[in-house]
Amino acid sequence: MVCRVILLALLTVCIASAVDVSGHSGSRCLCRTVKEGLPVRRITKVEIIPRSSSCDNIEIIATLKNGIQVCLNPEAPRVQKALGRLMERNSSKPNPTI
């Protein structure tokens, strides 16, 4: 009887550690902290990572001219304005034809 109780307790611990029983999902996001904006002239590359099963947030990662990567808040007005400027800047460049 004691053996069954111990096995049941171990099984419960194993299941609880394998399954997120706390209700928190999206804990594998790349961005822990976000900035509210950056000057467009400092940004060389922008990656937009959509929501996924591993992260509930839309993540925007900007690579700066000095190589540092910074996470930006996708809901911040300054970030949205900067993304608009970057898209305008890139759309004004001629596309090479092959």
PDB file of N, CA and C in Angstrom:
ATOM      1  N   MET A   1       0.820  -1.194   0.000  1.00  0.00           N
ATOM      2  CA  MET A   1       0.000   0.000   0.000  1.00  0.00           C
ATOM      3  C   MET A   1       0.865   1.258   0.000  1.00  0.00           C
ATOM      4  N   VAL A   2       1.912   1.287   0.848  1.00  0.00           N
ATOM      5  CA  VAL A   2       2.809   2.437   0.922  1.00  0.00           C
ATOM      6  C   VAL A   2       3.534   2.612  -0.413  1.00  0.00           C
ATOM      7  N   CYS A   3       3.878   1.495  -1.029  1.00  0.00           N
ATOM      8  CA  CYS A   3       4.566   1.552  -2.320  1.00  0.00           C
ATOM      9  C   CYS A   3       3.674   2.207  -3.381  1.00  0.00           C
ATOM     10  N   ARG A   4       2.377   1.897  -3.361  1.00  0.00           N
ATOM     11  CA  ARG A   4       1.453   2.496  -4.318  1.00  0.00           C
ATOM     12  C   ARG A   4       1.321   3.999  -4.098  1.00  0.00           C
ATOM     13  N   VAL A   5       1.294   4.425  -2.852  1.00  0.00           N
ATOM     14  CA  VAL A   5       1.184   5.854  -2.542  1.00  0.00           C
ATOM     15  C   VAL A   5       2.437   6.586  -3.015  1.00  0.00           C
ATOM     16  N   ILE A   6       3.592   5.987  -2.791  1.00  0.00           N
ATOM     17  CA  ILE A   6       4.851   6.602  -3.227  1.00  0.00           C
ATOM     18  C   ILE A   6       4.897   6.673  -4.752  1.00  0.00           C
ATOM     19  N   LEU A   7       4.512   5.591  -5.429  1.00  0.00           N
ATOM     20  CA  LEU A   7       4.489   5.598  -6.889  1.00  0.00           C
ATOM     21  C   LEU A   7       3.507   6.640  -7.432  1.00  0.00           C
ATOM     22  N   LEU A   8       2.349   6.749  -6.795  1.00  0.00           N
ATOM     23  CA  LEU A   8       1.374   7.745  -7.219  1.00  0.00           C
ATOM     24  C   LEU A   8       1.918   9.163  -7.026  1.00  0.00           C
ATOM     25  N   ALA A   9       2.605   9.401  -5.915  1.00  0.00           N
ATOM     26  CA  ALA A   9       3.196  10.719  -5.659  1.00  0.00           C
ATOM     27  C   ALA A   9       4.279  11.031  -6.689  1.00  0.00           C
ATOM     28  N   LEU A  10       5.134  10.057  -6.991  1.00  0.00           N
ATOM     29  CA  LEU A  10       6.180  10.265  -7.995  1.00  0.00           C
ATOM     30  C   LEU A  10       5.586  10.514  -9.377  1.00  0.00           C
ATOM     31  N   LEU A  11       4.558   9.773  -9.711  1.00  0.00           N
ATOM     32  CA  LEU A  11       3.902   9.958 -10.996  1.00  0.00           C
ATOM     33  C   LEU A  11       3.280  11.353 -11.099  1.00  0.00           C
ATOM     34  N   THR A  12       2.666  11.805 -10.021  1.00  0.00           N
ATOM     35  CA  THR A  12       2.077  13.149 -10.000  1.00  0.00           C
ATOM     36  C   THR A  12       3.143  14.215 -10.182  1.00  0.00           C
ATOM     37  N   VAL A  13       4.288  14.056  -9.518  1.00  0.00           N
ATOM     38  CA  VAL A  13       5.380  15.020  -9.651  1.00  0.00           C
ATOM     39  C   VAL A  13       5.918  15.021 -11.079  1.00  0.00           C
ATOM     40  N   CYS A  14       6.072  13.851 -11.669  1.00  0.00           N
ATOM     41  CA  CYS A  14       6.572  13.770 -13.048  1.00  0.00           C
ATOM     42  C   CYS A  14       5.613  14.432 -14.028  1.00  0.00           C
ATOM     43  N   ILE A  15       4.339  14.180 -13.878  1.00  0.00           N
ATOM     44  CA  ILE A  15       3.355  14.778 -14.778  1.00  0.00           C
ATOM     45  C   ILE A  15       3.307  16.289 -14.589  1.00  0.00           C
ATOM     46  N   ALA A  16       3.353  16.735 -13.345  1.00  0.00           N
ATOM     47  CA  ALA A  16       3.302  18.177 -13.075  1.00  0.00           C
ATOM     48  C   ALA A  16       4.519  18.890 -13.638  1.00  0.00           C
ATOM     49  N   SER A  17       5.670  18.239 -13.623  1.00  0.00           N
ATOM     50  CA  SER A  17       6.862  18.889 -14.169  1.00  0.00           C
ATOM     51  C   SER A  17       6.880  18.839 -15.695  1.00  0.00           C
ATOM     52  N   ALA A  18       6.242  17.837 -16.278  1.00  0.00           N
ATOM     53  CA  ALA A  18       6.217  17.725 -17.733  1.00  0.00           C
ATOM     54  C   ALA A  18       5.163  18.633 -18.361  1.00  0.00           C
ATOM     55  N   VAL A  19       4.081  18.877 -17.658  1.00  0.00           N
ATOM     56  CA  VAL A  19       2.990  19.709 -18.152  1.00  0.00           C
ATOM     57  C   VAL A  19       2.959  20.980 -17.327  1.00  0.00           C
ATOM     58  N   ASP A  20       2.744  22.090 -17.986  1.00  0.00           N
ATOM     59  CA  ASP A  20       2.699  23.365 -17.282  1.00  0.00           C
ATOM     60  C   ASP A  20       1.348  23.500 -16.595  1.00  0.00           C
ATOM     61  N   VAL A  21       1.285  23.153 -15.312  1.00  0.00           N
ATOM     62  CA  VAL A  21       0.031  23.199 -14.573  1.00  0.00           C
ATOM     63  C   VAL A  21      -0.286  24.586 -14.051  1.00  0.00           C
ATOM     64  N   SER A  22       0.637  25.515 -14.161  1.00  0.00           N
ATOM     65  CA  SER A  22       0.396  26.857 -13.633  1.00  0.00           C
ATOM     66  C   SER A  22      -0.454  27.700 -14.572  1.00  0.00           C
ATOM     67  N   GLY A  23      -0.673  27.238 -15.787  1.00  0.00           N
ATOM     68  CA  GLY A  23      -1.479  27.996 -16.728  1.00  0.00           C
ATOM     69  C   GLY A  23      -0.686  29.011 -17.520  1.00  0.00           C
ATOM     70  N   HIS A  24       0.613  29.126 -17.285  1.00  0.00           N
ATOM     71  CA  HIS A  24       1.438  30.071 -18.027  1.00  0.00           C
ATOM     72  C   HIS A  24       1.893  29.422 -19.320  1.00  0.00           C
ATOM     73  N   SER A  25       1.585  30.070 -20.410  1.00  0.00           N
ATOM     74  CA  SER A  25       2.099  29.602 -21.689  1.00  0.00           C
ATOM     75  C   SER A  25       2.928  30.719 -22.286  1.00  0.00           C
ATOM     76  N   GLY A  26       3.695  30.399 -23.276  1.00  0.00           N
ATOM     77  CA  GLY A  26       4.481  31.427 -23.922  1.00  0.00           C
ATOM     78  C   GLY A  26       5.685  31.861 -23.125  1.00  0.00           C
ATOM     79  N   SER A  27       6.262  30.945 -22.376  1.00  0.00           N
ATOM     80  CA  SER A  27       7.400  31.321 -21.538  1.00  0.00           C
ATOM     81  C   SER A  27       8.726  31.214 -22.286  1.00  0.00           C
ATOM     82  N   ARG A  28       8.696  30.887 -23.550  1.00  0.00           N
ATOM     83  CA  ARG A  28       9.933  30.746 -24.314  1.00  0.00           C
ATOM     84  C   ARG A  28      10.109  31.882 -25.315  1.00  0.00           C
ATOM     85  N   CYS A  29       9.717  33.059 -24.909  1.00  0.00           N
ATOM     86  CA  CYS A  29       9.871  34.224 -25.773  1.00  0.00           C
ATOM     87  C   CYS A  29      11.336  34.631 -25.827  1.00  0.00           C
ATOM     88  N   LEU A  30      11.736  35.222 -26.942  1.00  0.00           N
ATOM     89  CA  LEU A  30      13.108  35.697 -27.093  1.00  0.00           C
ATOM     90  C   LEU A  30      13.331  37.001 -26.347  1.00  0.00           C
ATOM     91  N   CYS A  31      12.307  37.829 -26.269  1.00  0.00           N
ATOM     92  CA  CYS A  31      12.435  39.152 -25.648  1.00  0.00           C
ATOM     93  C   CYS A  31      11.951  39.119 -24.203  1.00  0.00           C
ATOM     94  N   ARG A  32      12.843  39.432 -23.298  1.00  0.00           N
ATOM     95  CA  ARG A  32      12.474  39.548 -21.881  1.00  0.00           C
ATOM     96  C   ARG A  32      12.045  40.972 -21.555  1.00  0.00           C
ATOM     97  N   THR A  33      12.750  41.939 -22.116  1.00  0.00           N
ATOM     98  CA  THR A  33      12.405  43.348 -21.928  1.00  0.00           C
ATOM     99  C   THR A  33      12.324  44.000 -23.302  1.00  0.00           C
ATOM    100  N   VAL A  34      11.539  45.061 -23.393  1.00  0.00           N
ATOM    101  CA  VAL A  34      11.376  45.751 -24.669  1.00  0.00           C
ATOM    102  C   VAL A  34      11.600  47.245 -24.487  1.00  0.00           C
ATOM    103  N   LYS A  35      12.043  47.876 -25.559  1.00  0.00           N
ATOM    104  CA  LYS A  35      12.209  49.328 -25.581  1.00  0.00           C
ATOM    105  C   LYS A  35      11.014  49.934 -26.301  1.00  0.00           C
ATOM    106  N   GLU A  36      10.732  51.177 -25.961  1.00  0.00           N
ATOM    107  CA  GLU A  36       9.587  51.872 -26.546  1.00  0.00           C
ATOM    108  C   GLU A  36       9.914  52.537 -27.874  1.00  0.00           C
ATOM    109  N   GLY A  37      11.190  52.575 -28.257  1.00  0.00           N
ATOM    110  CA  GLY A  37      11.543  53.158 -29.540  1.00  0.00           C
ATOM    111  C   GLY A  37      13.029  53.403 -29.663  1.00  0.00           C
ATOM    112  N   LEU A  38      13.484  53.556 -30.894  1.00  0.00           N
ATOM    113  CA  LEU A  38      14.880  53.860 -31.222  1.00  0.00           C
ATOM    114  C   LEU A  38      14.896  54.747 -32.456  1.00  0.00           C
ATOM    115  N   PRO A  39      15.950  55.546 -32.619  1.00  0.00           N
ATOM    116  CA  PRO A  39      16.075  56.301 -33.866  1.00  0.00           C
ATOM    117  C   PRO A  39      16.273  55.345 -35.054  1.00  0.00           C
ATOM    118  N   VAL A  40      15.556  55.586 -36.125  1.00  0.00           N
ATOM    119  CA  VAL A  40      15.615  54.717 -37.305  1.00  0.00           C
ATOM    120  C   VAL A  40      17.026  54.647 -37.865  1.00  0.00           C
ATOM    121  N   ARG A  41      17.766  55.730 -37.781  1.00  0.00           N
ATOM    122  CA  ARG A  41      19.113  55.759 -38.375  1.00  0.00           C
ATOM    123  C   ARG A  41      20.069  54.767 -37.703  1.00  0.00           C
ATOM    124  N   ARG A  42      19.756  54.301 -36.503  1.00  0.00           N
ATOM    125  CA  ARG A  42      20.619  53.342 -35.807  1.00  0.00           C
ATOM    126  C   ARG A  42      20.300  51.895 -36.167  1.00  0.00           C
ATOM    127  N   ILE A  43      19.184  51.658 -36.836  1.00  0.00           N
ATOM    128  CA  ILE A  43      18.715  50.299 -37.116  1.00  0.00           C
ATOM    129  C   ILE A  43      19.173  49.855 -38.505  1.00  0.00           C
ATOM    130  N   THR A  44      19.758  48.647 -38.564  1.00  0.00           N
ATOM    131  CA  THR A  44      20.159  48.094 -39.858  1.00  0.00           C
ATOM    132  C   THR A  44      19.251  46.951 -40.308  1.00  0.00           C
ATOM    133  N   LYS A  45      18.640  46.249 -39.352  1.00  0.00           N
ATOM    134  CA  LYS A  45      17.825  45.086 -39.690  1.00  0.00           C
ATOM    135  C   LYS A  45      16.712  44.949 -38.659  1.00  0.00           C
ATOM    136  N   VAL A  46      15.539  44.516 -39.108  1.00  0.00           N
ATOM    137  CA  VAL A  46      14.407  44.287 -38.207  1.00  0.00           C
ATOM    138  C   VAL A  46      13.841  42.904 -38.483  1.00  0.00           C
ATOM    139  N   GLU A  47      13.628  42.150 -37.414  1.00  0.00           N
ATOM    140  CA  GLU A  47      12.982  40.843 -37.519  1.00  0.00           C
ATOM    141  C   GLU A  47      11.667  40.921 -36.763  1.00  0.00           C
ATOM    142  N   ILE A  48      10.591  40.517 -37.400  1.00  0.00           N
ATOM    143  CA  ILE A  48       9.293  40.460 -36.735  1.00  0.00           C
ATOM    144  C   ILE A  48       8.940  38.993 -36.582  1.00  0.00           C
ATOM    145  N   ILE A  49       8.800  38.574 -35.337  1.00  0.00           N
ATOM    146  CA  ILE A  49       8.523  37.173 -35.031  1.00  0.00           C
ATOM    147  C   ILE A  49       7.072  37.084 -34.555  1.00  0.00           C
ATOM    148  N   PRO A  50       6.216  36.377 -35.295  1.00  0.00           N
ATOM    149  CA  PRO A  50       4.797  36.303 -34.919  1.00  0.00           C
ATOM    150  C   PRO A  50       4.574  35.447 -33.678  1.00  0.00           C
ATOM    151  N   ARG A  51       3.363  35.526 -33.153  1.00  0.00           N
ATOM    152  CA  ARG A  51       2.980  34.667 -32.030  1.00  0.00           C
ATOM    153  C   ARG A  51       3.145  33.211 -32.450  1.00  0.00           C
ATOM    154  N   SER A  52       3.458  32.371 -31.461  1.00  0.00           N
ATOM    155  CA  SER A  52       3.610  30.947 -31.750  1.00  0.00           C
ATOM    156  C   SER A  52       3.177  30.153 -30.527  1.00  0.00           C
ATOM    157  N   SER A  53       3.284  28.855 -30.626  1.00  0.00           N
ATOM    158  CA  SER A  53       2.922  28.014 -29.489  1.00  0.00           C
ATOM    159  C   SER A  53       3.902  28.173 -28.335  1.00  0.00           C
ATOM    160  N   SER A  54       5.109  28.653 -28.632  1.00  0.00           N
ATOM    161  CA  SER A  54       6.093  28.822 -27.564  1.00  0.00           C
ATOM    162  C   SER A  54       6.128  30.236 -27.008  1.00  0.00           C
ATOM    163  N   CYS A  55       5.497  31.211 -27.682  1.00  0.00           N
ATOM    164  CA  CYS A  55       5.482  32.592 -27.195  1.00  0.00           C
ATOM    165  C   CYS A  55       4.183  33.266 -27.626  1.00  0.00           C
ATOM    166  N   ASP A  56       3.479  33.845 -26.673  1.00  0.00           N
ATOM    167  CA  ASP A  56       2.196  34.489 -26.949  1.00  0.00           C
ATOM    168  C   ASP A  56       2.332  35.898 -27.510  1.00  0.00           C
ATOM    169  N   ASN A  57       3.543  36.430 -27.559  1.00  0.00           N
ATOM    170  CA  ASN A  57       3.763  37.817 -27.962  1.00  0.00           C
ATOM    171  C   ASN A  57       4.294  37.918 -29.388  1.00  0.00           C
ATOM    172  N   ILE A  58       3.930  39.015 -30.051  1.00  0.00           N
ATOM    173  CA  ILE A  58       4.609  39.377 -31.293  1.00  0.00           C
ATOM    174  C   ILE A  58       5.905  40.045 -30.860  1.00  0.00           C
ATOM    175  N   GLU A  59       7.024  39.590 -31.405  1.00  0.00           N
ATOM    176  CA  GLU A  59       8.321  40.136 -30.994  1.00  0.00           C
ATOM    177  C   GLU A  59       8.979  40.846 -32.173  1.00  0.00           C
ATOM    178  N   ILE A  60       9.525  42.019 -31.886  1.00  0.00           N
ATOM    179  CA  ILE A  60      10.263  42.782 -32.891  1.00  0.00           C
ATOM    180  C   ILE A  60      11.685  42.931 -32.387  1.00  0.00           C
ATOM    181  N   ILE A  61      12.631  42.384 -33.151  1.00  0.00           N
ATOM    182  CA  ILE A  61      14.042  42.443 -32.771  1.00  0.00           C
ATOM    183  C   ILE A  61      14.769  43.291 -33.802  1.00  0.00           C
ATOM    184  N   ALA A  62      15.335  44.397 -33.330  1.00  0.00           N
ATOM    185  CA  ALA A  62      16.072  45.312 -34.205  1.00  0.00           C
ATOM    186  C   ALA A  62      17.560  45.098 -33.998  1.00  0.00           C
ATOM    187  N   THR A  63      18.298  44.968 -35.091  1.00  0.00           N
ATOM    188  CA  THR A  63      19.752  44.899 -35.032  1.00  0.00           C
ATOM    189  C   THR A  63      20.286  46.291 -35.335  1.00  0.00           C
ATOM    190  N   LEU A  64      21.105  46.803 -34.422  1.00  0.00           N
ATOM    191  CA  LEU A  64      21.648  48.149 -34.569  1.00  0.00           C
ATOM    192  C   LEU A  64      22.929  48.122 -35.390  1.00  0.00           C
ATOM    193  N   LYS A  65      23.390  49.283 -35.804  1.00  0.00           N
ATOM    194  CA  LYS A  65      24.606  49.381 -36.613  1.00  0.00           C
ATOM    195  C   LYS A  65      25.826  48.839 -35.890  1.00  0.00           C
ATOM    196  N   ASN A  66      25.819  48.878 -34.543  1.00  0.00           N
ATOM    197  CA  ASN A  66      26.949  48.349 -33.781  1.00  0.00           C
ATOM    198  C   ASN A  66      26.808  46.848 -33.510  1.00  0.00           C
ATOM    199  N   GLY A  67      25.769  46.205 -34.074  1.00  0.00           N
ATOM    200  CA  GLY A  67      25.598  44.765 -33.950  1.00  0.00           C
ATOM    201  C   GLY A  67      24.746  44.316 -32.775  1.00  0.00           C
ATOM    202  N   ILE A  68      24.381  45.220 -31.897  1.00  0.00           N
ATOM    203  CA  ILE A  68      23.568  44.870 -30.731  1.00  0.00           C
ATOM    204  C   ILE A  68      22.125  44.650 -31.175  1.00  0.00           C
ATOM    205  N   GLN A  69      21.498  43.620 -30.604  1.00  0.00           N
ATOM    206  CA  GLN A  69      20.095  43.357 -30.894  1.00  0.00           C
ATOM    207  C   GLN A  69      19.243  43.876 -29.741  1.00  0.00           C
ATOM    208  N   VAL A  70      18.163  44.571 -30.090  1.00  0.00           N
ATOM    209  CA  VAL A  70      17.281  45.188 -29.109  1.00  0.00           C
ATOM    210  C   VAL A  70      15.850  44.774 -29.422  1.00  0.00           C
ATOM    211  N   CYS A  71      15.104  44.411 -28.387  1.00  0.00           N
ATOM    212  CA  CYS A  71      13.695  44.082 -28.564  1.00  0.00           C
ATOM    213  C   CYS A  71      12.862  45.347 -28.435  1.00  0.00           C
ATOM    214  N   LEU A  72      11.906  45.495 -29.345  1.00  0.00           N
ATOM    215  CA  LEU A  72      11.053  46.671 -29.357  1.00  0.00           C
ATOM    216  C   LEU A  72       9.611  46.279 -29.052  1.00  0.00           C
ATOM    217  N   ASN A  73       8.894  47.179 -28.403  1.00  0.00           N
ATOM    218  CA  ASN A  73       7.493  46.961 -28.069  1.00  0.00           C
ATOM    219  C   ASN A  73       6.642  47.181 -29.322  1.00  0.00           C
ATOM    220  N   PRO A  74       5.996  46.143 -29.858  1.00  0.00           N
ATOM    221  CA  PRO A  74       5.234  46.304 -31.096  1.00  0.00           C
ATOM    222  C   PRO A  74       4.011  47.206 -30.950  1.00  0.00           C
ATOM    223  N   GLU A  75       3.572  47.458 -29.727  1.00  0.00           N
ATOM    224  CA  GLU A  75       2.392  48.295 -29.508  1.00  0.00           C
ATOM    225  C   GLU A  75       2.740  49.758 -29.276  1.00  0.00           C
ATOM    226  N   ALA A  76       4.015  50.076 -29.109  1.00  0.00           N
ATOM    227  CA  ALA A  76       4.423  51.455 -28.842  1.00  0.00           C
ATOM    228  C   ALA A  76       4.280  52.303 -30.106  1.00  0.00           C
ATOM    229  N   PRO A  77       3.683  53.484 -29.996  1.00  0.00           N
ATOM    230  CA  PRO A  77       3.519  54.348 -31.176  1.00  0.00           C
ATOM    231  C   PRO A  77       4.846  54.698 -31.851  1.00  0.00           C
ATOM    232  N   ARG A  78       5.894  54.927 -31.078  1.00  0.00           N
ATOM    233  CA  ARG A  78       7.194  55.263 -31.668  1.00  0.00           C
ATOM    234  C   ARG A  78       7.746  54.097 -32.478  1.00  0.00           C
ATOM    235  N   VAL A  79       7.529  52.885 -32.009  1.00  0.00           N
ATOM    236  CA  VAL A  79       8.006  51.700 -32.733  1.00  0.00           C
ATOM    237  C   VAL A  79       7.219  51.547 -34.033  1.00  0.00           C
ATOM    238  N   GLN A  80       5.909  51.720 -33.978  1.00  0.00           N
ATOM    239  CA  GLN A  80       5.095  51.607 -35.181  1.00  0.00           C
ATOM    240  C   GLN A  80       5.490  52.666 -36.212  1.00  0.00           C
ATOM    241  N   LYS A  81       5.768  53.876 -35.737  1.00  0.00           N
ATOM    242  CA  LYS A  81       6.192  54.947 -36.640  1.00  0.00           C
ATOM    243  C   LYS A  81       7.555  54.618 -37.260  1.00  0.00           C
ATOM    244  N   ALA A  82       8.476  54.094 -36.441  1.00  0.00           N
ATOM    245  CA  ALA A  82       9.804  53.728 -36.944  1.00  0.00           C
ATOM    246  C   ALA A  82       9.711  52.604 -37.966  1.00  0.00           C
ATOM    247  N   LEU A  83       8.843  51.620 -37.722  1.00  0.00           N
ATOM    248  CA  LEU A  83       8.666  50.531 -38.690  1.00  0.00           C
ATOM    249  C   LEU A  83       8.120  51.068 -40.009  1.00  0.00           C
ATOM    250  N   GLY A  84       7.205  52.023 -39.930  1.00  0.00           N
ATOM    251  CA  GLY A  84       6.682  52.644 -41.149  1.00  0.00           C
ATOM    252  C   GLY A  84       7.779  53.342 -41.933  1.00  0.00           C
ATOM    253  N   ARG A  85       8.659  54.054 -41.226  1.00  0.00           N
ATOM    254  CA  ARG A  85       9.775  54.733 -41.898  1.00  0.00           C
ATOM    255  C   ARG A  85      10.723  53.731 -42.534  1.00  0.00           C
ATOM    256  N   LEU A  86      11.012  52.646 -41.812  1.00  0.00           N
ATOM    257  CA  LEU A  86      11.911  51.626 -42.365  1.00  0.00           C
ATOM    258  C   LEU A  86      11.309  50.991 -43.616  1.00  0.00           C
ATOM    259  N   MET A  87      10.015  50.744 -43.597  1.00  0.00           N
ATOM    260  CA  MET A  87       9.367  50.150 -44.765  1.00  0.00           C
ATOM    261  C   MET A  87       9.392  51.120 -45.942  1.00  0.00           C
ATOM    262  N   GLU A  88       9.189  52.412 -45.671  1.00  0.00           N
ATOM    263  CA  GLU A  88       9.279  53.415 -46.739  1.00  0.00           C
ATOM    264  C   GLU A  88      10.686  53.467 -47.310  1.00  0.00           C
ATOM    265  N   ARG A  89      11.674  53.443 -46.409  1.00  0.00           N
ATOM    266  CA  ARG A  89      13.076  53.510 -46.833  1.00  0.00           C
ATOM    267  C   ARG A  89      13.423  52.319 -47.712  1.00  0.00           C
ATOM    268  N   ASN A  90      12.966  51.136 -47.329  1.00  0.00           N
ATOM    269  CA  ASN A  90      13.282  49.935 -48.105  1.00  0.00           C
ATOM    270  C   ASN A  90      12.492  49.862 -49.402  1.00  0.00           C
ATOM    271  N   SER A  91      11.280  50.398 -49.414  1.00  0.00           N
ATOM    272  CA  SER A  91      10.489  50.338 -50.647  1.00  0.00           C
ATOM    273  C   SER A  91      10.975  51.350 -51.679  1.00  0.00           C
ATOM    274  N   SER A  92      11.680  52.385 -51.224  1.00  0.00           N
ATOM    275  CA  SER A  92      12.189  53.380 -52.168  1.00  0.00           C
ATOM    276  C   SER A  92      13.472  52.922 -52.850  1.00  0.00           C
ATOM    277  N   LYS A  93      14.109  51.876 -52.319  1.00  0.00           N
ATOM    278  CA  LYS A  93      15.315  51.339 -52.957  1.00  0.00           C
ATOM    279  C   LYS A  93      14.911  50.524 -54.175  1.00  0.00           C
ATOM    280  N   PRO A  94      15.635  50.667 -55.274  1.00  0.00           N
ATOM    281  CA  PRO A  94      15.297  49.870 -56.461  1.00  0.00           C
ATOM    282  C   PRO A  94      15.617  48.397 -56.216  1.00  0.00           C
ATOM    283  N   ASN A  95      14.713  47.540 -56.676  1.00  0.00           N
ATOM    284  CA  ASN A  95      14.934  46.101 -56.560  1.00  0.00           C
ATOM    285  C   ASN A  95      15.778  45.632 -57.731  1.00  0.00           C
ATOM    286  N   PRO A  96      16.850  44.881 -57.460  1.00  0.00           N
ATOM    287  CA  PRO A  96      17.668  44.381 -58.570  1.00  0.00           C
ATOM    288  C   PRO A  96      16.911  43.311 -59.345  1.00  0.00           C
ATOM    289  N   THR A  97      17.037  43.342 -60.654  1.00  0.00           N
ATOM    290  CA  THR A  97      16.399  42.324 -61.489  1.00  0.00           C
ATOM    291  C   THR A  97      17.454  41.347 -61.962  1.00  0.00           C
ATOM    292  N   ILE A  98      17.022  40.121 -62.074  1.00  0.00           N
ATOM    293  CA  ILE A  98      17.967  39.072 -62.481  1.00  0.00           C
ATOM    294  C   ILE A  98      17.675  38.649 -63.891  1.00  0.00           C
TER     295      ILE A  98
END
